[in-house]
Amino acid sequence: MENAVLFALDAAALGFLLPDLVLRRLARRRQDRLRRGLPDALDLLVVCSEAGLGLNAGIQRVAREIVITHPDLADELQLVTMQTGAGIDNRAALKGLEERTGLDDIQALVTTLIQSMRFGTSIGETLRIYSAELRDKRLQAAQEKAAKVSTLMLFPLVFCILPSFMIVVLGPAILGLTKALSGLGFGK
């Protein structure tokens, strides 16, 4: 009887906590995919704006182009395009993109685009500057990870490679010393 009650409590706790954990993990993976696709989309959007397309047409074109490589980001951009086509203001559609994704990079992009629209500055130049900042940020993150590698390699080096190296290097010397000492009468 006690085991059944304990099992029921464990199952209830698992049923209560597991969906939230799974959902958080799926959301984090999706955000990582969006974050990886954003620099490519920005570069394409810069090219589109420099070619003379407006923001809405550029976003639509980018969504069509990246649908194979970054489908999550393409879906989000397509949704922005559909919202603006349905009559929603550009600012509101971009704010919706920001809220749906929850990424700091997209939030900064939306803020930059809204300021560019408000002040009438060139969207292409704004996107080019933000794209360069995003690339610098990605490079700094890669350099930070590379700096951590040496620390992470210390454990396998000290406990796995170094002992076998010492055996290979010192093994013949120890065997020779053992033979020499046994020849002098120390090993009998």
N, C-alpha and C. Protein backbone atom coordinates (compact mmCIF):
# COMPACT_ATOMS: atom_id res chain seq x y z
N MET A 1 0.82 -1.20 0.00
CA MET A 1 0.00 0.00 0.00
C MET A 1 0.86 1.26 0.00
N GLU A 2 1.92 1.24 0.83
CA GLU A 2 2.80 2.40 0.90
C GLU A 2 3.52 2.62 -0.43
N ASN A 3 3.92 1.52 -1.06
CA ASN A 3 4.60 1.63 -2.35
C ASN A 3 3.69 2.23 -3.41
N ALA A 4 2.43 1.88 -3.40
CA ALA A 4 1.49 2.40 -4.39
C ALA A 4 1.28 3.90 -4.19
N VAL A 5 1.19 4.34 -2.94
CA VAL A 5 1.02 5.77 -2.66
C VAL A 5 2.28 6.53 -3.07
N LEU A 6 3.44 5.97 -2.74
CA LEU A 6 4.70 6.60 -3.12
C LEU A 6 4.85 6.67 -4.64
N PHE A 7 4.48 5.59 -5.31
CA PHE A 7 4.54 5.56 -6.78
C PHE A 7 3.58 6.60 -7.37
N ALA A 8 2.40 6.73 -6.81
CA ALA A 8 1.42 7.70 -7.32
C ALA A 8 1.92 9.13 -7.12
N LEU A 9 2.54 9.40 -5.97
CA LEU A 9 3.10 10.74 -5.73
C LEU A 9 4.25 11.05 -6.67
N ASP A 10 5.12 10.05 -6.90
CA ASP A 10 6.22 10.24 -7.85
C ASP A 10 5.70 10.48 -9.26
N ALA A 11 4.70 9.73 -9.66
CA ALA A 11 4.13 9.90 -11.00
C ALA A 11 3.46 11.26 -11.14
N ALA A 12 2.79 11.71 -10.10
CA ALA A 12 2.15 13.02 -10.15
C ALA A 12 3.19 14.13 -10.24
N ALA A 13 4.26 14.01 -9.46
CA ALA A 13 5.32 15.02 -9.51
C ALA A 13 5.99 15.03 -10.88
N LEU A 14 6.23 13.85 -11.42
CA LEU A 14 6.84 13.76 -12.74
C LEU A 14 5.91 14.31 -13.81
N GLY A 15 4.64 14.00 -13.70
CA GLY A 15 3.66 14.52 -14.66
C GLY A 15 3.48 16.02 -14.56
N PHE A 16 3.76 16.57 -13.40
CA PHE A 16 3.63 18.02 -13.22
C PHE A 16 4.88 18.75 -13.72
N LEU A 17 6.06 18.19 -13.47
CA LEU A 17 7.31 18.87 -13.81
C LEU A 17 7.83 18.58 -15.21
N LEU A 18 7.62 17.38 -15.72
CA LEU A 18 8.21 16.98 -16.99
C LEU A 18 7.76 17.83 -18.18
N PRO A 19 6.48 18.15 -18.35
CA PRO A 19 6.11 18.97 -19.51
C PRO A 19 6.79 20.33 -19.54
N ASP A 20 6.94 20.94 -18.37
CA ASP A 20 7.61 22.24 -18.31
C ASP A 20 9.08 22.12 -18.70
N LEU A 21 9.75 21.08 -18.22
CA LEU A 21 11.16 20.88 -18.57
C LEU A 21 11.33 20.63 -20.06
N VAL A 22 10.46 19.80 -20.62
CA VAL A 22 10.54 19.50 -22.05
C VAL A 22 10.27 20.75 -22.87
N LEU A 23 9.28 21.52 -22.48
CA LEU A 23 8.94 22.74 -23.20
C LEU A 23 10.07 23.76 -23.14
N ARG A 24 10.69 23.91 -21.99
CA ARG A 24 11.83 24.83 -21.87
C ARG A 24 12.98 24.39 -22.77
N ARG A 25 13.23 23.10 -22.79
CA ARG A 25 14.33 22.59 -23.63
C ARG A 25 14.05 22.81 -25.11
N LEU A 26 12.81 22.55 -25.54
CA LEU A 26 12.44 22.78 -26.93
C LEU A 26 12.53 24.26 -27.28
N ALA A 27 12.10 25.13 -26.37
CA ALA A 27 12.18 26.58 -26.62
C ALA A 27 13.63 27.03 -26.72
N ARG A 28 14.50 26.50 -25.88
CA ARG A 28 15.90 26.87 -25.92
C ARG A 28 16.55 26.43 -27.24
N ARG A 29 16.20 25.23 -27.69
CA ARG A 29 16.73 24.74 -28.97
C ARG A 29 16.26 25.62 -30.12
N ARG A 30 14.99 26.00 -30.09
CA ARG A 30 14.46 26.85 -31.15
C ARG A 30 15.13 28.22 -31.13
N GLN A 31 15.36 28.76 -29.95
CA GLN A 31 16.05 30.05 -29.86
C GLN A 31 17.48 29.94 -30.38
N ASP A 32 18.13 28.82 -30.12
CA ASP A 32 19.49 28.63 -30.65
C ASP A 32 19.47 28.58 -32.18
N ARG A 33 18.46 27.90 -32.74
CA ARG A 33 18.36 27.85 -34.21
C ARG A 33 18.08 29.24 -34.78
N LEU A 34 17.24 30.01 -34.11
CA LEU A 34 16.96 31.37 -34.57
C LEU A 34 18.21 32.24 -34.48
N ARG A 35 18.95 32.08 -33.39
CA ARG A 35 20.17 32.87 -33.19
C ARG A 35 21.21 32.55 -34.25
N ARG A 36 21.33 31.26 -34.62
CA ARG A 36 22.30 30.88 -35.65
C ARG A 36 21.91 31.40 -37.03
N GLY A 37 20.62 31.51 -37.31
CA GLY A 37 20.19 31.95 -38.62
C GLY A 37 20.12 33.46 -38.80
N LEU A 38 20.14 34.20 -37.71
CA LEU A 38 19.98 35.65 -37.79
C LEU A 38 21.08 36.36 -38.58
N PRO A 39 22.37 36.03 -38.41
CA PRO A 39 23.38 36.74 -39.20
C PRO A 39 23.21 36.55 -40.71
N ASP A 40 22.87 35.33 -41.13
CA ASP A 40 22.64 35.09 -42.56
C ASP A 40 21.46 35.89 -43.07
N ALA A 41 20.40 35.92 -42.28
CA ALA A 41 19.22 36.67 -42.69
C ALA A 41 19.52 38.16 -42.76
N LEU A 42 20.29 38.66 -41.84
CA LEU A 42 20.65 40.08 -41.86
C LEU A 42 21.49 40.43 -43.09
N ASP A 43 22.43 39.56 -43.42
CA ASP A 43 23.25 39.82 -44.60
C ASP A 43 22.38 39.85 -45.86
N LEU A 44 21.44 38.92 -45.96
CA LEU A 44 20.54 38.91 -47.11
C LEU A 44 19.64 40.14 -47.11
N LEU A 45 19.21 40.57 -45.95
CA LEU A 45 18.35 41.75 -45.85
C LEU A 45 19.11 43.01 -46.24
N VAL A 46 20.39 43.07 -45.90
CA VAL A 46 21.23 44.20 -46.32
C VAL A 46 21.33 44.23 -47.84
N VAL A 47 21.56 43.08 -48.45
CA VAL A 47 21.66 43.00 -49.90
C VAL A 47 20.34 43.42 -50.55
N CYS A 48 19.24 42.96 -49.98
CA CYS A 48 17.92 43.31 -50.54
C CYS A 48 17.66 44.81 -50.43
N SER A 49 18.02 45.40 -49.30
CA SER A 49 17.76 46.83 -49.13
C SER A 49 18.66 47.66 -50.03
N GLU A 50 19.90 47.20 -50.25
CA GLU A 50 20.79 47.91 -51.16
C GLU A 50 20.37 47.75 -52.61
N ALA A 51 19.64 46.67 -52.91
CA ALA A 51 19.14 46.45 -54.27
C ALA A 51 17.90 47.28 -54.55
N GLY A 52 17.37 47.95 -53.53
CA GLY A 52 16.24 48.83 -53.75
C GLY A 52 14.92 48.32 -53.21
N LEU A 53 14.91 47.16 -52.58
CA LEU A 53 13.67 46.65 -52.01
C LEU A 53 13.38 47.37 -50.70
N GLY A 54 12.11 47.54 -50.40
CA GLY A 54 11.70 48.10 -49.12
C GLY A 54 11.85 47.07 -48.03
N LEU A 55 11.56 47.48 -46.80
CA LEU A 55 11.72 46.57 -45.67
C LEU A 55 10.80 45.36 -45.78
N ASN A 56 9.53 45.58 -46.10
CA ASN A 56 8.59 44.46 -46.18
C ASN A 56 8.95 43.50 -47.31
N ALA A 57 9.28 44.05 -48.47
CA ALA A 57 9.66 43.19 -49.60
C ALA A 57 10.97 42.47 -49.31
N GLY A 58 11.89 43.14 -48.63
CA GLY A 58 13.16 42.50 -48.27
C GLY A 58 12.96 41.36 -47.28
N ILE A 59 12.11 41.59 -46.30
CA ILE A 59 11.84 40.53 -45.32
C ILE A 59 11.17 39.34 -46.01
N GLN A 60 10.26 39.62 -46.92
CA GLN A 60 9.59 38.54 -47.64
C GLN A 60 10.59 37.75 -48.49
N ARG A 61 11.48 38.45 -49.16
CA ARG A 61 12.49 37.79 -50.00
C ARG A 61 13.45 36.95 -49.15
N VAL A 62 13.87 37.49 -48.04
CA VAL A 62 14.78 36.76 -47.14
C VAL A 62 14.09 35.51 -46.60
N ALA A 63 12.81 35.63 -46.26
CA ALA A 63 12.06 34.47 -45.75
C ALA A 63 12.00 33.37 -46.81
N ARG A 64 11.85 33.74 -48.06
CA ARG A 64 11.81 32.74 -49.14
C ARG A 64 13.18 32.10 -49.35
N GLU A 65 14.23 32.88 -49.19
CA GLU A 65 15.57 32.38 -49.47
C GLU A 65 16.12 31.47 -48.38
N ILE A 66 15.78 31.72 -47.13
CA ILE A 66 16.38 30.94 -46.02
C ILE A 66 15.49 29.82 -45.52
N VAL A 67 14.42 29.53 -46.25
CA VAL A 67 13.47 28.53 -45.77
C VAL A 67 14.10 27.14 -45.63
N ILE A 68 15.11 26.83 -46.43
CA ILE A 68 15.75 25.51 -46.36
C ILE A 68 16.81 25.48 -45.26
N THR A 69 17.62 26.53 -45.18
CA THR A 69 18.71 26.51 -44.21
C THR A 69 18.28 26.86 -42.79
N HIS A 70 17.34 27.78 -42.66
CA HIS A 70 16.89 28.22 -41.33
C HIS A 70 15.35 28.31 -41.33
N PRO A 71 14.67 27.18 -41.28
CA PRO A 71 13.21 27.20 -41.42
C PRO A 71 12.48 27.93 -40.30
N ASP A 72 13.01 27.88 -39.08
CA ASP A 72 12.34 28.57 -37.97
C ASP A 72 12.34 30.08 -38.17
N LEU A 73 13.48 30.60 -38.54
CA LEU A 73 13.57 32.04 -38.79
C LEU A 73 12.76 32.44 -40.01
N ALA A 74 12.75 31.59 -41.01
CA ALA A 74 11.94 31.87 -42.21
C ALA A 74 10.46 31.92 -41.85
N ASP A 75 10.01 31.03 -40.99
CA ASP A 75 8.60 31.05 -40.55
C ASP A 75 8.28 32.35 -39.82
N GLU A 76 9.18 32.78 -38.95
CA GLU A 76 8.94 34.02 -38.20
C GLU A 76 8.90 35.22 -39.14
N LEU A 77 9.82 35.28 -40.09
CA LEU A 77 9.83 36.40 -41.03
C LEU A 77 8.61 36.36 -41.95
N GLN A 78 8.19 35.16 -42.33
CA GLN A 78 6.99 35.03 -43.16
C GLN A 78 5.77 35.50 -42.39
N LEU A 79 5.72 35.23 -41.11
CA LEU A 79 4.61 35.69 -40.29
C LEU A 79 4.59 37.22 -40.20
N VAL A 80 5.77 37.83 -40.09
CA VAL A 80 5.84 39.30 -40.10
C VAL A 80 5.31 39.83 -41.42
N THR A 81 5.69 39.20 -42.52
CA THR A 81 5.23 39.62 -43.84
C THR A 81 3.72 39.47 -43.97
N MET A 82 3.18 38.36 -43.48
CA MET A 82 1.73 38.15 -43.55
C MET A 82 0.99 39.17 -42.69
N GLN A 83 1.54 39.50 -41.53
CA GLN A 83 0.90 40.49 -40.66
C GLN A 83 0.87 41.86 -41.30
N THR A 84 1.97 42.27 -41.91
CA THR A 84 1.98 43.57 -42.57
C THR A 84 1.09 43.57 -43.80
N GLY A 85 0.99 42.42 -44.47
CA GLY A 85 0.09 42.31 -45.62
C GLY A 85 -1.37 42.36 -45.20
N ALA A 86 -1.65 41.96 -43.98
CA ALA A 86 -3.02 41.97 -43.47
C ALA A 86 -3.40 43.34 -42.91
N GLY A 87 -2.46 44.28 -42.92
CA GLY A 87 -2.78 45.63 -42.48
C GLY A 87 -2.22 46.03 -41.14
N ILE A 88 -1.46 45.16 -40.51
CA ILE A 88 -0.85 45.51 -39.23
C ILE A 88 0.35 46.40 -39.50
N ASP A 89 0.54 47.40 -38.67
CA ASP A 89 1.64 48.34 -38.82
C ASP A 89 2.99 47.60 -38.72
N ASN A 90 4.00 48.11 -39.45
CA ASN A 90 5.34 47.50 -39.42
C ASN A 90 5.88 47.41 -37.99
N ARG A 91 5.70 48.46 -37.24
CA ARG A 91 6.22 48.48 -35.88
C ARG A 91 5.57 47.39 -35.02
N ALA A 92 4.26 47.24 -35.15
CA ALA A 92 3.55 46.23 -34.37
C ALA A 92 3.96 44.82 -34.80
N ALA A 93 4.14 44.61 -36.09
CA ALA A 93 4.56 43.29 -36.58
C ALA A 93 5.97 42.96 -36.10
N LEU A 94 6.85 43.95 -36.12
CA LEU A 94 8.21 43.72 -35.64
C LEU A 94 8.24 43.50 -34.13
N LYS A 95 7.39 44.23 -33.40
CA LYS A 95 7.29 44.01 -31.94
C LYS A 95 6.77 42.60 -31.65
N GLY A 96 5.84 42.12 -32.48
CA GLY A 96 5.35 40.76 -32.32
C GLY A 96 6.46 39.74 -32.54
N LEU A 97 7.32 39.99 -33.54
CA LEU A 97 8.48 39.11 -33.77
C LEU A 97 9.38 39.08 -32.55
N GLU A 98 9.59 40.24 -31.99
CA GLU A 98 10.43 40.34 -30.79
C GLU A 98 9.85 39.54 -29.63
N GLU A 99 8.54 39.66 -29.42
CA GLU A 99 7.89 38.97 -28.30
C GLU A 99 7.84 37.46 -28.52
N ARG A 100 7.62 37.03 -29.76
CA ARG A 100 7.53 35.60 -30.04
C ARG A 100 8.86 34.90 -29.87
N THR A 101 9.93 35.54 -30.28
CA THR A 101 11.23 34.87 -30.24
C THR A 101 11.89 34.95 -28.87
N GLY A 102 11.81 36.10 -28.22
CA GLY A 102 12.43 36.25 -26.91
C GLY A 102 13.94 36.35 -26.95
N LEU A 103 14.50 36.67 -28.11
CA LEU A 103 15.96 36.78 -28.24
C LEU A 103 16.40 38.24 -28.08
N ASP A 104 17.50 38.42 -27.40
CA ASP A 104 18.05 39.77 -27.23
C ASP A 104 18.51 40.34 -28.56
N ASP A 105 19.08 39.48 -29.41
CA ASP A 105 19.57 39.95 -30.70
C ASP A 105 18.43 40.46 -31.58
N ILE A 106 17.32 39.76 -31.57
CA ILE A 106 16.18 40.19 -32.37
C ILE A 106 15.54 41.42 -31.74
N GLN A 107 15.54 41.50 -30.43
CA GLN A 107 15.02 42.70 -29.76
C GLN A 107 15.83 43.92 -30.14
N ALA A 108 17.14 43.79 -30.16
CA ALA A 108 18.00 44.91 -30.56
C ALA A 108 17.78 45.26 -32.03
N LEU A 109 17.60 44.24 -32.88
CA LEU A 109 17.34 44.49 -34.30
C LEU A 109 16.03 45.24 -34.49
N VAL A 110 14.98 44.81 -33.79
CA VAL A 110 13.67 45.46 -33.91
C VAL A 110 13.76 46.90 -33.42
N THR A 111 14.44 47.11 -32.31
CA THR A 111 14.60 48.48 -31.80
C THR A 111 15.35 49.35 -32.80
N THR A 112 16.39 48.80 -33.39
CA THR A 112 17.17 49.54 -34.38
C THR A 112 16.33 49.87 -35.61
N LEU A 113 15.55 48.88 -36.09
CA LEU A 113 14.71 49.12 -37.27
C LEU A 113 13.62 50.15 -36.99
N ILE A 114 13.02 50.08 -35.81
CA ILE A 114 11.97 51.04 -35.46
C ILE A 114 12.55 52.45 -35.36
N GLN A 115 13.72 52.58 -34.77
CA GLN A 115 14.36 53.90 -34.70
C GLN A 115 14.72 54.41 -36.09
N SER A 116 15.18 53.50 -36.94
CA SER A 116 15.51 53.90 -38.31
C SER A 116 14.28 54.38 -39.06
N MET A 117 13.15 53.69 -38.86
CA MET A 117 11.90 54.12 -39.52
C MET A 117 11.41 55.44 -38.94
N ARG A 118 11.56 55.61 -37.64
CA ARG A 118 11.08 56.83 -36.98
C ARG A 118 11.87 58.06 -37.43
N PHE A 119 13.19 57.92 -37.52
CA PHE A 119 14.03 59.07 -37.85
C PHE A 119 14.30 59.21 -39.35
N GLY A 120 13.87 58.23 -40.12
CA GLY A 120 14.01 58.32 -41.57
C GLY A 120 15.40 58.05 -42.09
N THR A 121 16.21 57.36 -41.32
CA THR A 121 17.56 57.03 -41.79
C THR A 121 17.51 55.82 -42.71
N SER A 122 18.59 55.56 -43.39
CA SER A 122 18.66 54.45 -44.34
C SER A 122 18.61 53.11 -43.60
N ILE A 123 17.67 52.28 -44.00
CA ILE A 123 17.54 50.97 -43.36
C ILE A 123 18.71 50.09 -43.74
N GLY A 124 19.20 50.21 -44.98
CA GLY A 124 20.35 49.42 -45.41
C GLY A 124 21.58 49.70 -44.59
N GLU A 125 21.86 50.98 -44.34
CA GLU A 125 23.02 51.35 -43.53
C GLU A 125 22.84 50.88 -42.09
N THR A 126 21.64 51.01 -41.58
CA THR A 126 21.34 50.56 -40.22
C THR A 126 21.56 49.05 -40.09
N LEU A 127 21.06 48.31 -41.08
CA LEU A 127 21.22 46.86 -41.05
C LEU A 127 22.69 46.46 -41.19
N ARG A 128 23.44 47.17 -42.01
CA ARG A 128 24.85 46.86 -42.20
C ARG A 128 25.60 47.05 -40.88
N ILE A 129 25.32 48.13 -40.18
CA ILE A 129 26.00 48.40 -38.90
C ILE A 129 25.62 47.33 -37.87
N TYR A 130 24.33 47.01 -37.80
CA TYR A 130 23.91 46.00 -36.83
C TYR A 130 24.48 44.63 -37.18
N SER A 131 24.56 44.31 -38.46
CA SER A 131 25.13 43.03 -38.89
C SER A 131 26.59 42.93 -38.47
N ALA A 132 27.33 44.02 -38.62
CA ALA A 132 28.74 44.02 -38.19
C ALA A 132 28.85 43.83 -36.68
N GLU A 133 27.97 44.47 -35.93
CA GLU A 133 27.97 44.30 -34.47
C GLU A 133 27.65 42.86 -34.09
N LEU A 134 26.71 42.26 -34.80
CA LEU A 134 26.33 40.88 -34.51
C LEU A 134 27.48 39.92 -34.83
N ARG A 135 28.17 40.17 -35.93
CA ARG A 135 29.33 39.34 -36.27
C ARG A 135 30.41 39.47 -35.21
N ASP A 136 30.66 40.71 -34.74
CA ASP A 136 31.66 40.91 -33.69
C ASP A 136 31.27 40.18 -32.41
N LYS A 137 30.00 40.23 -32.08
CA LYS A 137 29.51 39.54 -30.89
C LYS A 137 29.70 38.03 -31.02
N ARG A 138 29.41 37.50 -32.22
CA ARG A 138 29.58 36.06 -32.45
C ARG A 138 31.05 35.68 -32.40
N LEU A 139 31.94 36.53 -32.92
CA LEU A 139 33.37 36.27 -32.88
C LEU A 139 33.88 36.28 -31.45
N GLN A 140 33.41 37.21 -30.63
CA GLN A 140 33.82 37.27 -29.23
C GLN A 140 33.36 36.03 -28.47
N ALA A 141 32.15 35.56 -28.77
CA ALA A 141 31.67 34.34 -28.12
C ALA A 141 32.51 33.14 -28.52
N ALA A 142 32.91 33.07 -29.79
CA ALA A 142 33.76 31.96 -30.24
C ALA A 142 35.14 32.03 -29.59
N GLN A 143 35.69 33.23 -29.46
CA GLN A 143 36.99 33.38 -28.81
C GLN A 143 36.90 33.01 -27.34
N GLU A 144 35.79 33.33 -26.70
CA GLU A 144 35.61 32.97 -25.30
C GLU A 144 35.55 31.45 -25.13
N LYS A 145 34.84 30.79 -26.03
CA LYS A 145 34.79 29.32 -25.98
C LYS A 145 36.17 28.72 -26.23
N ALA A 146 36.92 29.29 -27.17
CA ALA A 146 38.26 28.78 -27.46
C ALA A 146 39.19 28.96 -26.27
N ALA A 147 39.02 30.03 -25.52
CA ALA A 147 39.86 30.25 -24.35
C ALA A 147 39.56 29.23 -23.25
N LYS A 148 38.33 28.75 -23.20
CA LYS A 148 37.95 27.77 -22.17
C LYS A 148 38.43 26.36 -22.51
N VAL A 149 38.78 26.11 -23.76
CA VAL A 149 39.17 24.77 -24.18
C VAL A 149 40.43 24.31 -23.46
N SER A 150 41.40 25.18 -23.29
CA SER A 150 42.65 24.78 -22.63
C SER A 150 42.39 24.32 -21.20
N THR A 151 41.50 24.99 -20.51
CA THR A 151 41.16 24.58 -19.15
C THR A 151 40.43 23.25 -19.15
N LEU A 152 39.55 23.05 -20.11
CA LEU A 152 38.80 21.79 -20.18
C LEU A 152 39.69 20.62 -20.58
N MET A 153 40.75 20.88 -21.31
CA MET A 153 41.65 19.81 -21.74
C MET A 153 42.65 19.40 -20.65
N LEU A 154 42.71 20.15 -19.58
CA LEU A 154 43.67 19.87 -18.52
C LEU A 154 43.40 18.51 -17.86
N PHE A 155 42.16 18.21 -17.55
CA PHE A 155 41.82 16.95 -16.89
C PHE A 155 42.20 15.73 -17.74
N PRO A 156 41.75 15.65 -19.00
CA PRO A 156 42.14 14.47 -19.79
C PRO A 156 43.65 14.38 -20.00
N LEU A 157 44.31 15.51 -20.10
CA LEU A 157 45.75 15.50 -20.31
C LEU A 157 46.47 14.95 -19.09
N VAL A 158 46.12 15.43 -17.92
CA VAL A 158 46.82 15.03 -16.70
C VAL A 158 46.50 13.59 -16.31
N PHE A 159 45.26 13.17 -16.43
CA PHE A 159 44.87 11.87 -15.91
C PHE A 159 44.84 10.75 -16.95
N CYS A 160 44.85 11.08 -18.21
CA CYS A 160 44.79 10.02 -19.23
C CYS A 160 46.07 9.94 -20.07
N ILE A 161 46.52 11.05 -20.56
CA ILE A 161 47.65 11.04 -21.49
C ILE A 161 48.99 11.03 -20.76
N LEU A 162 49.11 11.84 -19.71
CA LEU A 162 50.39 11.95 -19.00
C LEU A 162 50.84 10.62 -18.37
N PRO A 163 49.98 9.84 -17.70
CA PRO A 163 50.46 8.56 -17.16
C PRO A 163 50.95 7.59 -18.24
N SER A 164 50.23 7.50 -19.34
CA SER A 164 50.69 6.59 -20.39
C SER A 164 51.99 7.10 -21.02
N PHE A 165 52.14 8.40 -21.13
CA PHE A 165 53.39 8.97 -21.65
C PHE A 165 54.55 8.64 -20.72
N MET A 166 54.32 8.75 -19.41
CA MET A 166 55.37 8.46 -18.44
C MET A 166 55.76 6.99 -18.48
N ILE A 167 54.79 6.12 -18.69
CA ILE A 167 55.10 4.69 -18.78
C ILE A 167 55.95 4.41 -20.01
N VAL A 168 55.63 5.03 -21.12
CA VAL A 168 56.38 4.81 -22.35
C VAL A 168 57.79 5.38 -22.22
N VAL A 169 57.92 6.55 -21.61
CA VAL A 169 59.23 7.20 -21.51
C VAL A 169 60.08 6.56 -20.41
N LEU A 170 59.50 6.35 -19.24
CA LEU A 170 60.28 5.86 -18.10
C LEU A 170 60.32 4.33 -18.01
N GLY A 171 59.44 3.64 -18.70
CA GLY A 171 59.39 2.18 -18.62
C GLY A 171 60.72 1.51 -18.97
N PRO A 172 61.30 1.79 -20.13
CA PRO A 172 62.58 1.15 -20.46
C PRO A 172 63.70 1.52 -19.48
N ALA A 173 63.70 2.75 -19.00
CA ALA A 173 64.74 3.15 -18.04
C ALA A 173 64.59 2.39 -16.73
N ILE A 174 63.37 2.21 -16.27
CA ILE A 174 63.14 1.46 -15.02
C ILE A 174 63.52 0.00 -15.19
N LEU A 175 63.18 -0.59 -16.34
CA LEU A 175 63.57 -1.99 -16.60
C LEU A 175 65.08 -2.14 -16.66
N GLY A 176 65.77 -1.19 -17.30
CA GLY A 176 67.24 -1.23 -17.35
C GLY A 176 67.85 -1.07 -15.97
N LEU A 177 67.29 -0.19 -15.17
CA LEU A 177 67.79 0.01 -13.81
C LEU A 177 67.57 -1.24 -12.97
N THR A 178 66.42 -1.89 -13.16
CA THR A 178 66.12 -3.11 -12.42
C THR A 178 67.11 -4.21 -12.78
N LYS A 179 67.43 -4.35 -14.06
CA LYS A 179 68.41 -5.37 -14.49
C LYS A 179 69.79 -5.05 -13.94
N ALA A 180 70.15 -3.77 -13.96
CA ALA A 180 71.48 -3.38 -13.47
C ALA A 180 71.60 -3.63 -11.97
N LEU A 181 70.56 -3.31 -11.23
CA LEU A 181 70.60 -3.52 -9.79
C LEU A 181 70.56 -5.00 -9.43
N SER A 182 69.84 -5.80 -10.23
CA SER A 182 69.80 -7.25 -9.94
C SER A 182 71.14 -7.89 -10.27
N GLY A 183 71.87 -7.32 -11.22
CA GLY A 183 73.21 -7.84 -11.54
C GLY A 183 74.21 -7.54 -10.44
N LEU A 184 73.97 -6.55 -9.63
CA LEU A 184 74.86 -6.20 -8.52
C LEU A 184 74.51 -6.94 -7.25
N GLY A 185 73.39 -7.66 -7.28
CA GLY A 185 73.03 -8.44 -6.12
C GLY A 185 71.93 -7.82 -5.28
N PHE A 186 71.35 -6.73 -5.73
CA PHE A 186 70.29 -6.08 -4.95
C PHE A 186 68.93 -6.72 -5.17
N GLY A 187 68.74 -7.40 -6.26
CA GLY A 187 67.43 -7.92 -6.58
C GLY A 187 67.23 -9.34 -6.12
N LYS A 188 68.22 -10.02 -5.40
CA LYS A 188 68.11 -11.42 -5.02
C LYS A 188 67.53 -11.62 -3.69
